[in-house]
Amino acid sequence: MNIARKKNYIIIEDDKGDLNSFATHLSKSHEEFEKNNVVVNLLNNGDYEVKDLLVFLEISNLHRLNKRSFVIASNPVSVETLPEDLIIAPTLREAEDIVNMEELERELGF
């Protein structure tokens, strides 16, 4: 797992290529980044379907309960079948924009 720190979020990348193991590792090590907004970068790992990305739903929900952003940067998936609680962005720039927008919403009390 590689972590890059940005101004108001961190980018976490899988370095093993196993999506299920990566999601499990994120869940187990959640304490390490629970106070940070998180972007999970899967853009270099190939194409995924919604069912593949659902392994992140539990950690996403847990992270968002703590009033922190959890965004997955992944190649486009069908948003029609995507749960509302799972935030997907097609680029790192758009993931950053989502984090910034959610931070602003929290500051304004939404």
PDB file of N, CA and C in Angstrom:
ATOM      1  N   MET A   1       0.850  -1.166   0.000  1.00  0.00           N
ATOM      2  CA  MET A   1       0.000   0.000   0.000  1.00  0.00           C
ATOM      3  C   MET A   1       0.900   1.234   0.000  1.00  0.00           C
ATOM      4  N   ASN A   2       0.671   2.106  -0.954  1.00  0.00           N
ATOM      5  CA  ASN A   2       1.422   3.356  -1.052  1.00  0.00           C
ATOM      6  C   ASN A   2       0.507   4.505  -0.639  1.00  0.00           C
ATOM      7  N   ILE A   3       1.051   5.443   0.142  1.00  0.00           N
ATOM      8  CA  ILE A   3       0.280   6.593   0.597  1.00  0.00           C
ATOM      9  C   ILE A   3       1.010   7.871   0.204  1.00  0.00           C
ATOM     10  N   ALA A   4       0.273   8.778  -0.444  1.00  0.00           N
ATOM     11  CA  ALA A   4       0.806  10.103  -0.796  1.00  0.00           C
ATOM     12  C   ALA A   4      -0.049  11.146  -0.080  1.00  0.00           C
ATOM     13  N   ARG A   5       0.595  12.040   0.634  1.00  0.00           N
ATOM     14  CA  ARG A   5      -0.126  13.081   1.378  1.00  0.00           C
ATOM     15  C   ARG A   5      -0.264  14.339   0.537  1.00  0.00           C
ATOM     16  N   LYS A   6      -1.487  14.851   0.495  1.00  0.00           N
ATOM     17  CA  LYS A   6      -1.789  16.104  -0.184  1.00  0.00           C
ATOM     18  C   LYS A   6      -2.235  17.106   0.868  1.00  0.00           C
ATOM     19  N   LYS A   7      -2.658  18.278   0.438  1.00  0.00           N
ATOM     20  CA  LYS A   7      -3.013  19.354   1.370  1.00  0.00           C
ATOM     21  C   LYS A   7      -4.102  18.935   2.366  1.00  0.00           C
ATOM     22  N   ASN A   8      -5.223  18.445   1.883  1.00  0.00           N
ATOM     23  CA  ASN A   8      -6.312  18.107   2.795  1.00  0.00           C
ATOM     24  C   ASN A   8      -6.846  16.681   2.597  1.00  0.00           C
ATOM     25  N   TYR A   9      -6.015  15.811   2.012  1.00  0.00           N
ATOM     26  CA  TYR A   9      -6.411  14.413   1.830  1.00  0.00           C
ATOM     27  C   TYR A   9      -5.177  13.573   1.564  1.00  0.00           C
ATOM     28  N   ILE A  10      -5.362  12.273   1.601  1.00  0.00           N
ATOM     29  CA  ILE A  10      -4.282  11.360   1.232  1.00  0.00           C
ATOM     30  C   ILE A  10      -4.759  10.488   0.079  1.00  0.00           C
ATOM     31  N   ILE A  11      -3.802  10.060  -0.731  1.00  0.00           N
ATOM     32  CA  ILE A  11      -4.087   9.123  -1.819  1.00  0.00           C
ATOM     33  C   ILE A  11      -3.479   7.782  -1.425  1.00  0.00           C
ATOM     34  N   ILE A  12      -4.302   6.758  -1.440  1.00  0.00           N
ATOM     35  CA  ILE A  12      -3.838   5.418  -1.107  1.00  0.00           C
ATOM     36  C   ILE A  12      -3.926   4.561  -2.367  1.00  0.00           C
ATOM     37  N   GLU A  13      -2.833   3.872  -2.670  1.00  0.00           N
ATOM     38  CA  GLU A  13      -2.788   3.002  -3.852  1.00  0.00           C
ATOM     39  C   GLU A  13      -2.412   1.588  -3.448  1.00  0.00           C
ATOM     40  N   ASP A  14      -2.987   0.644  -4.157  1.00  0.00           N
ATOM     41  CA  ASP A  14      -2.659  -0.765  -3.964  1.00  0.00           C
ATOM     42  C   ASP A  14      -1.377  -1.069  -4.723  1.00  0.00           C
ATOM     43  N   ASP A  15      -0.445  -1.740  -4.077  1.00  0.00           N
ATOM     44  CA  ASP A  15       0.787  -2.111  -4.767  1.00  0.00           C
ATOM     45  C   ASP A  15       0.895  -3.621  -5.003  1.00  0.00           C
ATOM     46  N   LYS A  16      -0.187  -4.346  -4.694  1.00  0.00           N
ATOM     47  CA  LYS A  16      -0.172  -5.801  -4.850  1.00  0.00           C
ATOM     48  C   LYS A  16      -1.034  -6.298  -6.007  1.00  0.00           C
ATOM     49  N   GLY A  17      -2.051  -5.533  -6.399  1.00  0.00           N
ATOM     50  CA  GLY A  17      -2.903  -5.945  -7.512  1.00  0.00           C
ATOM     51  C   GLY A  17      -4.058  -6.856  -7.130  1.00  0.00           C
ATOM     52  N   ASP A  18      -4.315  -7.028  -5.838  1.00  0.00           N
ATOM     53  CA  ASP A  18      -5.421  -7.866  -5.381  1.00  0.00           C
ATOM     54  C   ASP A  18      -6.432  -6.978  -4.665  1.00  0.00           C
ATOM     55  N   LEU A  19      -7.534  -6.688  -5.334  1.00  0.00           N
ATOM     56  CA  LEU A  19      -8.522  -5.735  -4.833  1.00  0.00           C
ATOM     57  C   LEU A  19      -9.120  -6.159  -3.491  1.00  0.00           C
ATOM     58  N   ASN A  20      -9.471  -7.428  -3.351  1.00  0.00           N
ATOM     59  CA  ASN A  20     -10.059  -7.902  -2.098  1.00  0.00           C
ATOM     60  C   ASN A  20      -9.085  -7.785  -0.934  1.00  0.00           C
ATOM     61  N   SER A  21      -7.851  -8.180  -1.136  1.00  0.00           N
ATOM     62  CA  SER A  21      -6.840  -8.069  -0.078  1.00  0.00           C
ATOM     63  C   SER A  21      -6.579  -6.612   0.273  1.00  0.00           C
ATOM     64  N   PHE A  22      -6.572  -5.764  -0.724  1.00  0.00           N
ATOM     65  CA  PHE A  22      -6.355  -4.329  -0.513  1.00  0.00           C
ATOM     66  C   PHE A  22      -7.477  -3.744   0.344  1.00  0.00           C
ATOM     67  N   ALA A  23      -8.727  -4.060   0.011  1.00  0.00           N
ATOM     68  CA  ALA A  23      -9.863  -3.558   0.791  1.00  0.00           C
ATOM     69  C   ALA A  23      -9.808  -4.079   2.228  1.00  0.00           C
ATOM     70  N   THR A  24      -9.454  -5.331   2.392  1.00  0.00           N
ATOM     71  CA  THR A  24      -9.331  -5.911   3.736  1.00  0.00           C
ATOM     72  C   THR A  24      -8.231  -5.206   4.516  1.00  0.00           C
ATOM     73  N   HIS A  25      -7.113  -4.963   3.865  1.00  0.00           N
ATOM     74  CA  HIS A  25      -5.995  -4.263   4.513  1.00  0.00           C
ATOM     75  C   HIS A  25      -6.407  -2.842   4.915  1.00  0.00           C
ATOM     76  N   LEU A  26      -7.142  -2.157   4.063  1.00  0.00           N
ATOM     77  CA  LEU A  26      -7.620  -0.813   4.412  1.00  0.00           C
ATOM     78  C   LEU A  26      -8.514  -0.858   5.643  1.00  0.00           C
ATOM     79  N   SER A  27      -9.385  -1.827   5.700  1.00  0.00           N
ATOM     80  CA  SER A  27     -10.283  -1.953   6.852  1.00  0.00           C
ATOM     81  C   SER A  27      -9.501  -2.203   8.135  1.00  0.00           C
ATOM     82  N   LYS A  28      -8.525  -3.088   8.052  1.00  0.00           N
ATOM     83  CA  LYS A  28      -7.731  -3.425   9.246  1.00  0.00           C
ATOM     84  C   LYS A  28      -6.839  -2.273   9.701  1.00  0.00           C
ATOM     85  N   SER A  29      -6.398  -1.436   8.773  1.00  0.00           N
ATOM     86  CA  SER A  29      -5.487  -0.341   9.124  1.00  0.00           C
ATOM     87  C   SER A  29      -6.190   1.015   9.130  1.00  0.00           C
ATOM     88  N   HIS A  30      -7.507   0.995   9.271  1.00  0.00           N
ATOM     89  CA  HIS A  30      -8.303   2.227   9.215  1.00  0.00           C
ATOM     90  C   HIS A  30      -7.842   3.279  10.215  1.00  0.00           C
ATOM     91  N   GLU A  31      -7.398   2.863  11.392  1.00  0.00           N
ATOM     92  CA  GLU A  31      -6.948   3.806  12.421  1.00  0.00           C
ATOM     93  C   GLU A  31      -5.811   4.698  11.929  1.00  0.00           C
ATOM     94  N   GLU A  32      -5.013   4.200  11.009  1.00  0.00           N
ATOM     95  CA  GLU A  32      -3.869   4.959  10.501  1.00  0.00           C
ATOM     96  C   GLU A  32      -4.287   6.187   9.699  1.00  0.00           C
ATOM     97  N   PHE A  33      -5.472   6.149   9.105  1.00  0.00           N
ATOM     98  CA  PHE A  33      -5.883   7.265   8.251  1.00  0.00           C
ATOM     99  C   PHE A  33      -7.290   7.758   8.548  1.00  0.00           C
ATOM    100  N   GLU A  34      -7.870   7.363   9.680  1.00  0.00           N
ATOM    101  CA  GLU A  34      -9.255   7.707   9.974  1.00  0.00           C
ATOM    102  C   GLU A  34      -9.507   9.203  10.108  1.00  0.00           C
ATOM    103  N   LYS A  35      -8.484   9.983  10.387  1.00  0.00           N
ATOM    104  CA  LYS A  35      -8.657  11.426  10.537  1.00  0.00           C
ATOM    105  C   LYS A  35      -8.406  12.193   9.232  1.00  0.00           C
ATOM    106  N   ASN A  36      -8.114  11.463   8.165  1.00  0.00           N
ATOM    107  CA  ASN A  36      -7.828  12.060   6.864  1.00  0.00           C
ATOM    108  C   ASN A  36      -8.963  11.818   5.883  1.00  0.00           C
ATOM    109  N   ASN A  37      -9.125  12.753   4.956  1.00  0.00           N
ATOM    110  CA  ASN A  37      -9.933  12.482   3.773  1.00  0.00           C
ATOM    111  C   ASN A  37      -9.109  11.537   2.903  1.00  0.00           C
ATOM    112  N   VAL A  38      -9.784  10.592   2.262  1.00  0.00           N
ATOM    113  CA  VAL A  38      -9.062   9.549   1.525  1.00  0.00           C
ATOM    114  C   VAL A  38      -9.533   9.467   0.079  1.00  0.00           C
ATOM    115  N   VAL A  39      -8.560   9.364  -0.814  1.00  0.00           N
ATOM    116  CA  VAL A  39      -8.811   9.005  -2.208  1.00  0.00           C
ATOM    117  C   VAL A  39      -8.088   7.680  -2.443  1.00  0.00           C
ATOM    118  N   VAL A  40      -8.838   6.667  -2.835  1.00  0.00           N
ATOM    119  CA  VAL A  40      -8.254   5.376  -3.180  1.00  0.00           C
ATOM    120  C   VAL A  40      -8.045   5.384  -4.689  1.00  0.00           C
ATOM    121  N   ASN A  41      -6.788   5.323  -5.107  1.00  0.00           N
ATOM    122  CA  ASN A  41      -6.464   5.385  -6.530  1.00  0.00           C
ATOM    123  C   ASN A  41      -6.370   3.989  -7.130  1.00  0.00           C
ATOM    124  N   LEU A  42      -7.343   3.662  -7.965  1.00  0.00           N
ATOM    125  CA  LEU A  42      -7.350   2.378  -8.671  1.00  0.00           C
ATOM    126  C   LEU A  42      -7.177   2.565 -10.172  1.00  0.00           C
ATOM    127  N   LEU A  43      -6.827   3.760 -10.586  1.00  0.00           N
ATOM    128  CA  LEU A  43      -6.754   4.074 -12.015  1.00  0.00           C
ATOM    129  C   LEU A  43      -5.702   3.246 -12.757  1.00  0.00           C
ATOM    130  N   ASN A  44      -4.647   2.837 -12.064  1.00  0.00           N
ATOM    131  CA  ASN A  44      -3.580   2.080 -12.713  1.00  0.00           C
ATOM    132  C   ASN A  44      -3.790   0.575 -12.631  1.00  0.00           C
ATOM    133  N   ASN A  45      -4.911   0.165 -12.044  1.00  0.00           N
ATOM    134  CA  ASN A  45      -5.137  -1.256 -11.812  1.00  0.00           C
ATOM    135  C   ASN A  45      -6.049  -1.915 -12.837  1.00  0.00           C
ATOM    136  N   GLY A  46      -6.452  -1.192 -13.855  1.00  0.00           N
ATOM    137  CA  GLY A  46      -7.332  -1.776 -14.866  1.00  0.00           C
ATOM    138  C   GLY A  46      -8.775  -1.361 -14.674  1.00  0.00           C
ATOM    139  N   ASP A  47      -9.656  -2.027 -15.389  1.00  0.00           N
ATOM    140  CA  ASP A  47     -11.083  -1.708 -15.336  1.00  0.00           C
ATOM    141  C   ASP A  47     -11.784  -2.602 -14.316  1.00  0.00           C
ATOM    142  N   TYR A  48     -12.711  -2.009 -13.605  1.00  0.00           N
ATOM    143  CA  TYR A  48     -13.502  -2.750 -12.633  1.00  0.00           C
ATOM    144  C   TYR A  48     -14.977  -2.558 -12.919  1.00  0.00           C
ATOM    145  N   GLU A  49     -15.750  -3.495 -12.446  1.00  0.00           N
ATOM    146  CA  GLU A  49     -17.199  -3.371 -12.493  1.00  0.00           C
ATOM    147  C   GLU A  49     -17.671  -2.959 -11.104  1.00  0.00           C
ATOM    148  N   VAL A  50     -18.915  -2.521 -11.010  1.00  0.00           N
ATOM    149  CA  VAL A  50     -19.465  -2.088  -9.733  1.00  0.00           C
ATOM    150  C   VAL A  50     -19.316  -3.183  -8.685  1.00  0.00           C
ATOM    151  N   LYS A  51     -19.601  -4.418  -9.053  1.00  0.00           N
ATOM    152  CA  LYS A  51     -19.525  -5.518  -8.087  1.00  0.00           C
ATOM    153  C   LYS A  51     -18.121  -5.667  -7.502  1.00  0.00           C
ATOM    154  N   ASP A  52     -17.099  -5.333  -8.277  1.00  0.00           N
ATOM    155  CA  ASP A  52     -15.727  -5.408  -7.786  1.00  0.00           C
ATOM    156  C   ASP A  52     -15.474  -4.334  -6.727  1.00  0.00           C
ATOM    157  N   LEU A  53     -16.023  -3.144  -6.963  1.00  0.00           N
ATOM    158  CA  LEU A  53     -15.764  -2.008  -6.076  1.00  0.00           C
ATOM    159  C   LEU A  53     -16.576  -2.062  -4.790  1.00  0.00           C
ATOM    160  N   LEU A  54     -17.569  -2.925  -4.744  1.00  0.00           N
ATOM    161  CA  LEU A  54     -18.395  -3.047  -3.533  1.00  0.00           C
ATOM    162  C   LEU A  54     -17.597  -3.529  -2.323  1.00  0.00           C
ATOM    163  N   VAL A  55     -16.406  -4.078  -2.538  1.00  0.00           N
ATOM    164  CA  VAL A  55     -15.568  -4.491  -1.409  1.00  0.00           C
ATOM    165  C   VAL A  55     -15.157  -3.293  -0.550  1.00  0.00           C
ATOM    166  N   PHE A  56     -15.289  -2.077  -1.105  1.00  0.00           N
ATOM    167  CA  PHE A  56     -14.934  -0.872  -0.360  1.00  0.00           C
ATOM    168  C   PHE A  56     -16.126  -0.221   0.343  1.00  0.00           C
ATOM    169  N   LEU A  57     -17.311  -0.770   0.185  1.00  0.00           N
ATOM    170  CA  LEU A  57     -18.509  -0.136   0.728  1.00  0.00           C
ATOM    171  C   LEU A  57     -18.468  -0.024   2.254  1.00  0.00           C
ATOM    172  N   GLU A  58     -18.073  -1.062   2.927  1.00  0.00           N
ATOM    173  CA  GLU A  58     -18.038  -1.040   4.399  1.00  0.00           C
ATOM    174  C   GLU A  58     -17.038  -0.007   4.918  1.00  0.00           C
ATOM    175  N   ILE A  59     -15.837   0.003   4.395  1.00  0.00           N
ATOM    176  CA  ILE A  59     -14.823   0.966   4.856  1.00  0.00           C
ATOM    177  C   ILE A  59     -15.230   2.385   4.476  1.00  0.00           C
ATOM    178  N   SER A  60     -15.862   2.544   3.331  1.00  0.00           N
ATOM    179  CA  SER A  60     -16.350   3.859   2.919  1.00  0.00           C
ATOM    180  C   SER A  60     -17.396   4.376   3.903  1.00  0.00           C
ATOM    181  N   ASN A  61     -18.357   3.530   4.250  1.00  0.00           N
ATOM    182  CA  ASN A  61     -19.395   3.935   5.193  1.00  0.00           C
ATOM    183  C   ASN A  61     -18.814   4.280   6.553  1.00  0.00           C
ATOM    184  N   LEU A  62     -17.892   3.473   7.036  1.00  0.00           N
ATOM    185  CA  LEU A  62     -17.239   3.727   8.324  1.00  0.00           C
ATOM    186  C   LEU A  62     -16.495   5.065   8.291  1.00  0.00           C
ATOM    187  N   HIS A  63     -15.775   5.290   7.222  1.00  0.00           N
ATOM    188  CA  HIS A  63     -14.983   6.514   7.097  1.00  0.00           C
ATOM    189  C   HIS A  63     -15.887   7.744   7.025  1.00  0.00           C
ATOM    190  N   ARG A  64     -16.942   7.657   6.285  1.00  0.00           N
ATOM    191  CA  ARG A  64     -17.861   8.785   6.122  1.00  0.00           C
ATOM    192  C   ARG A  64     -18.639   9.070   7.408  1.00  0.00           C
ATOM    193  N   LEU A  65     -18.870   8.052   8.235  1.00  0.00           N
ATOM    194  CA  LEU A  65     -19.507   8.282   9.534  1.00  0.00           C
ATOM    195  C   LEU A  65     -18.661   9.196  10.417  1.00  0.00           C
ATOM    196  N   ASN A  66     -17.351   9.155  10.197  1.00  0.00           N
ATOM    197  CA  ASN A  66     -16.420  10.000  10.942  1.00  0.00           C
ATOM    198  C   ASN A  66     -16.264  11.384  10.320  1.00  0.00           C
ATOM    199  N   LYS A  67     -17.182  11.725   9.408  1.00  0.00           N
ATOM    200  CA  LYS A  67     -17.175  13.045   8.745  1.00  0.00           C
ATOM    201  C   LYS A  67     -15.903  13.277   7.942  1.00  0.00           C
ATOM    202  N   ARG A  68     -15.468  12.246   7.241  1.00  0.00           N
ATOM    203  CA  ARG A  68     -14.319  12.340   6.351  1.00  0.00           C
ATOM    204  C   ARG A  68     -14.712  11.790   4.987  1.00  0.00           C
ATOM    205  N   SER A  69     -14.115  12.325   3.948  1.00  0.00           N
ATOM    206  CA  SER A  69     -14.402  11.880   2.583  1.00  0.00           C
ATOM    207  C   SER A  69     -13.682  10.566   2.291  1.00  0.00           C
ATOM    208  N   PHE A  70     -14.331   9.728   1.487  1.00  0.00           N
ATOM    209  CA  PHE A  70     -13.742   8.491   0.995  1.00  0.00           C
ATOM    210  C   PHE A  70     -14.173   8.368  -0.459  1.00  0.00           C
ATOM    211  N   VAL A  71     -13.236   8.619  -1.364  1.00  0.00           N
ATOM    212  CA  VAL A  71     -13.528   8.648  -2.796  1.00  0.00           C
ATOM    213  C   VAL A  71     -12.632   7.632  -3.496  1.00  0.00           C
ATOM    214  N   ILE A  72     -13.199   6.898  -4.419  1.00  0.00           N
ATOM    215  CA  ILE A  72     -12.437   5.933  -5.200  1.00  0.00           C
ATOM    216  C   ILE A  72     -12.222   6.501  -6.592  1.00  0.00           C
ATOM    217  N   ALA A  73     -10.973   6.635  -6.987  1.00  0.00           N
ATOM    218  CA  ALA A  73     -10.639   7.047  -8.351  1.00  0.00           C
ATOM    219  C   ALA A  73     -10.469   5.766  -9.161  1.00  0.00           C
ATOM    220  N   SER A  74     -11.400   5.565 -10.090  1.00  0.00           N
ATOM    221  CA  SER A  74     -11.401   4.332 -10.867  1.00  0.00           C
ATOM    222  C   SER A  74     -11.900   4.630 -12.268  1.00  0.00           C
ATOM    223  N   ASN A  75     -11.533   3.773 -13.177  1.00  0.00           N
ATOM    224  CA  ASN A  75     -12.058   3.907 -14.532  1.00  0.00           C
ATOM    225  C   ASN A  75     -13.578   3.849 -14.464  1.00  0.00           C
ATOM    226  N   PRO A  76     -14.249   4.522 -15.396  1.00  0.00           N
ATOM    227  CA  PRO A  76     -15.708   4.651 -15.321  1.00  0.00           C
ATOM    228  C   PRO A  76     -16.437   3.325 -15.141  1.00  0.00           C
ATOM    229  N   VAL A  77     -17.452   3.380 -14.261  1.00  0.00           N
ATOM    230  CA  VAL A  77     -18.332   2.240 -14.036  1.00  0.00           C
ATOM    231  C   VAL A  77     -19.767   2.714 -14.211  1.00  0.00           C
ATOM    232  N   SER A  78     -20.675   1.788 -14.285  1.00  0.00           N
ATOM    233  CA  SER A  78     -22.087   2.116 -14.445  1.00  0.00           C
ATOM    234  C   SER A  78     -22.632   2.700 -13.142  1.00  0.00           C
ATOM    235  N   VAL A  79     -22.968   3.977 -13.157  1.00  0.00           N
ATOM    236  CA  VAL A  79     -23.447   4.631 -11.948  1.00  0.00           C
ATOM    237  C   VAL A  79     -24.883   4.252 -11.610  1.00  0.00           C
ATOM    238  N   GLU A  80     -25.600   3.680 -12.539  1.00  0.00           N
ATOM    239  CA  GLU A  80     -26.983   3.281 -12.280  1.00  0.00           C
ATOM    240  C   GLU A  80     -27.073   2.218 -11.194  1.00  0.00           C
ATOM    241  N   THR A  81     -26.095   1.354 -11.106  1.00  0.00           N
ATOM    242  CA  THR A  81     -26.111   0.270 -10.125  1.00  0.00           C
ATOM    243  C   THR A  81     -25.190   0.534  -8.939  1.00  0.00           C
ATOM    244  N   LEU A  82     -24.630   1.708  -8.885  1.00  0.00           N
ATOM    245  CA  LEU A  82     -23.693   2.073  -7.829  1.00  0.00           C
ATOM    246  C   LEU A  82     -24.444   2.550  -6.587  1.00  0.00           C
ATOM    247  N   PRO A  83     -24.151   1.998  -5.415  1.00  0.00           N
ATOM    248  CA  PRO A  83     -24.801   2.493  -4.199  1.00  0.00           C
ATOM    249  C   PRO A  83     -24.444   3.959  -3.962  1.00  0.00           C
ATOM    250  N   GLU A  84     -25.393   4.716  -3.425  1.00  0.00           N
ATOM    251  CA  GLU A  84     -25.157   6.139  -3.166  1.00  0.00           C
ATOM    252  C   GLU A  84     -23.986   6.373  -2.229  1.00  0.00           C
ATOM    253  N   ASP A  85     -23.732   5.437  -1.332  1.00  0.00           N
ATOM    254  CA  ASP A  85     -22.687   5.604  -0.330  1.00  0.00           C
ATOM    255  C   ASP A  85     -21.275   5.398  -0.878  1.00  0.00           C
ATOM    256  N   LEU A  86     -21.172   4.914  -2.081  1.00  0.00           N
ATOM    257  CA  LEU A  86     -19.863   4.670  -2.681  1.00  0.00           C
ATOM    258  C   LEU A  86     -19.605   5.748  -3.725  1.00  0.00           C
ATOM    259  N   ILE A  87     -18.606   6.577  -3.462  1.00  0.00           N
ATOM    260  CA  ILE A  87     -18.305   7.713  -4.343  1.00  0.00           C
ATOM    261  C   ILE A  87     -17.152   7.327  -5.272  1.00  0.00           C
ATOM    262  N   ILE A  88     -17.422   7.383  -6.568  1.00  0.00           N
ATOM    263  CA  ILE A  88     -16.433   7.037  -7.593  1.00  0.00           C
ATOM    264  C   ILE A  88     -16.162   8.259  -8.459  1.00  0.00           C
ATOM    265  N   ALA A  89     -14.889   8.506  -8.744  1.00  0.00           N
ATOM    266  CA  ALA A  89     -14.493   9.587  -9.643  1.00  0.00           C
ATOM    267  C   ALA A  89     -13.627   8.994 -10.755  1.00  0.00           C
ATOM    268  N   PRO A  90     -13.784   9.489 -11.981  1.00  0.00           N
ATOM    269  CA  PRO A  90     -13.019   8.915 -13.097  1.00  0.00           C
ATOM    270  C   PRO A  90     -11.568   9.412 -13.197  1.00  0.00           C
ATOM    271  N   THR A  91     -11.230  10.458 -12.440  1.00  0.00           N
ATOM    272  CA  THR A  91      -9.854  10.976 -12.452  1.00  0.00           C
ATOM    273  C   THR A  91      -9.466  11.401 -11.041  1.00  0.00           C
ATOM    274  N   LEU A  92      -8.168  11.529 -10.808  1.00  0.00           N
ATOM    275  CA  LEU A  92      -7.703  12.022  -9.510  1.00  0.00           C
ATOM    276  C   LEU A  92      -8.122  13.467  -9.290  1.00  0.00           C
ATOM    277  N   ARG A  93      -8.141  14.250 -10.344  1.00  0.00           N
ATOM    278  CA  ARG A  93      -8.561  15.651 -10.234  1.00  0.00           C
ATOM    279  C   ARG A  93     -10.021  15.747  -9.772  1.00  0.00           C
ATOM    280  N   GLU A  94     -10.871  14.926 -10.354  1.00  0.00           N
ATOM    281  CA  GLU A  94     -12.280  14.933  -9.950  1.00  0.00           C
ATOM    282  C   GLU A  94     -12.444  14.397  -8.529  1.00  0.00           C
ATOM    283  N   ALA A  95     -11.631  13.426  -8.140  1.00  0.00           N
ATOM    284  CA  ALA A  95     -11.666  12.924  -6.762  1.00  0.00           C
ATOM    285  C   ALA A  95     -11.286  14.039  -5.794  1.00  0.00           C
ATOM    286  N   GLU A  96     -10.262  14.811  -6.143  1.00  0.00           N
ATOM    287  CA  GLU A  96      -9.855  15.943  -5.314  1.00  0.00           C
ATOM    288  C   GLU A  96     -10.978  16.979  -5.230  1.00  0.00           C
ATOM    289  N   ASP A  97     -11.634  17.248  -6.336  1.00  0.00           N
ATOM    290  CA  ASP A  97     -12.749  18.193  -6.341  1.00  0.00           C
ATOM    291  C   ASP A  97     -13.881  17.729  -5.416  1.00  0.00           C
ATOM    292  N   ILE A  98     -14.161  16.442  -5.413  1.00  0.00           N
ATOM    293  CA  ILE A  98     -15.203  15.899  -4.540  1.00  0.00           C
ATOM    294  C   ILE A  98     -14.815  16.084  -3.076  1.00  0.00           C
ATOM    295  N   VAL A  99     -13.560  15.777  -2.761  1.00  0.00           N
ATOM    296  CA  VAL A  99     -13.083  15.967  -1.382  1.00  0.00           C
ATOM    297  C   VAL A  99     -13.240  17.427  -0.973  1.00  0.00           C
ATOM    298  N   ASN A 100     -12.815  18.350  -1.836  1.00  0.00           N
ATOM    299  CA  ASN A 100     -12.913  19.770  -1.523  1.00  0.00           C
ATOM    300  C   ASN A 100     -14.370  20.215  -1.362  1.00  0.00           C
ATOM    301  N   MET A 101     -15.246  19.716  -2.204  1.00  0.00           N
ATOM    302  CA  MET A 101     -16.655  20.055  -2.123  1.00  0.00           C
ATOM    303  C   MET A 101     -17.266  19.524  -0.820  1.00  0.00           C
ATOM    304  N   GLU A 102     -16.938  18.296  -0.467  1.00  0.00           N
ATOM    305  CA  GLU A 102     -17.463  17.721   0.772  1.00  0.00           C
ATOM    306  C   GLU A 102     -16.916  18.446   2.000  1.00  0.00           C
ATOM    307  N   GLU A 103     -15.657  18.869   1.961  1.00  0.00           N
ATOM    308  CA  GLU A 103     -15.085  19.646   3.061  1.00  0.00           C
ATOM    309  C   GLU A 103     -15.852  20.957   3.239  1.00  0.00           C
ATOM    310  N   LEU A 104     -16.139  21.609   2.136  1.00  0.00           N
ATOM    311  CA  LEU A 104     -16.887  22.862   2.175  1.00  0.00           C
ATOM    312  C   LEU A 104     -18.293  22.634   2.742  1.00  0.00           C
ATOM    313  N   GLU A 105     -18.941  21.569   2.315  1.00  0.00           N
ATOM    314  CA  GLU A 105     -20.279  21.246   2.831  1.00  0.00           C
ATOM    315  C   GLU A 105     -20.242  21.022   4.334  1.00  0.00           C
ATOM    316  N   ARG A 106     -19.195  20.317   4.828  1.00  0.00           N
ATOM    317  CA  ARG A 106     -19.098  20.097   6.262  1.00  0.00           C
ATOM    318  C   ARG A 106     -18.866  21.395   7.021  1.00  0.00           C
ATOM    319  N   GLU A 107     -18.040  22.272   6.458  1.00  0.00           N
ATOM    320  CA  GLU A 107     -17.792  23.576   7.087  1.00  0.00           C
ATOM    321  C   GLU A 107     -19.069  24.416   7.175  1.00  0.00           C
ATOM    322  N   LEU A 108     -19.933  24.258   6.182  1.00  0.00           N
ATOM    323  CA  LEU A 108     -21.190  25.022   6.140  1.00  0.00           C
ATOM    324  C   LEU A 108     -22.303  24.335   6.940  1.00  0.00           C
ATOM    325  N   GLY A 109     -22.026  23.146   7.463  1.00  0.00           N
ATOM    326  CA  GLY A 109     -22.987  22.453   8.293  1.00  0.00           C
ATOM    327  C   GLY A 109     -23.960  21.556   7.580  1.00  0.00           C
ATOM    328  N   PHE A 110     -23.677  21.181   6.359  1.00  0.00           N
ATOM    329  CA  PHE A 110     -24.564  20.278   5.620  1.00  0.00           C
ATOM    330  C   PHE A 110     -24.285  18.841   5.953  1.00  0.00           C
TER     331      PHE A 110
END
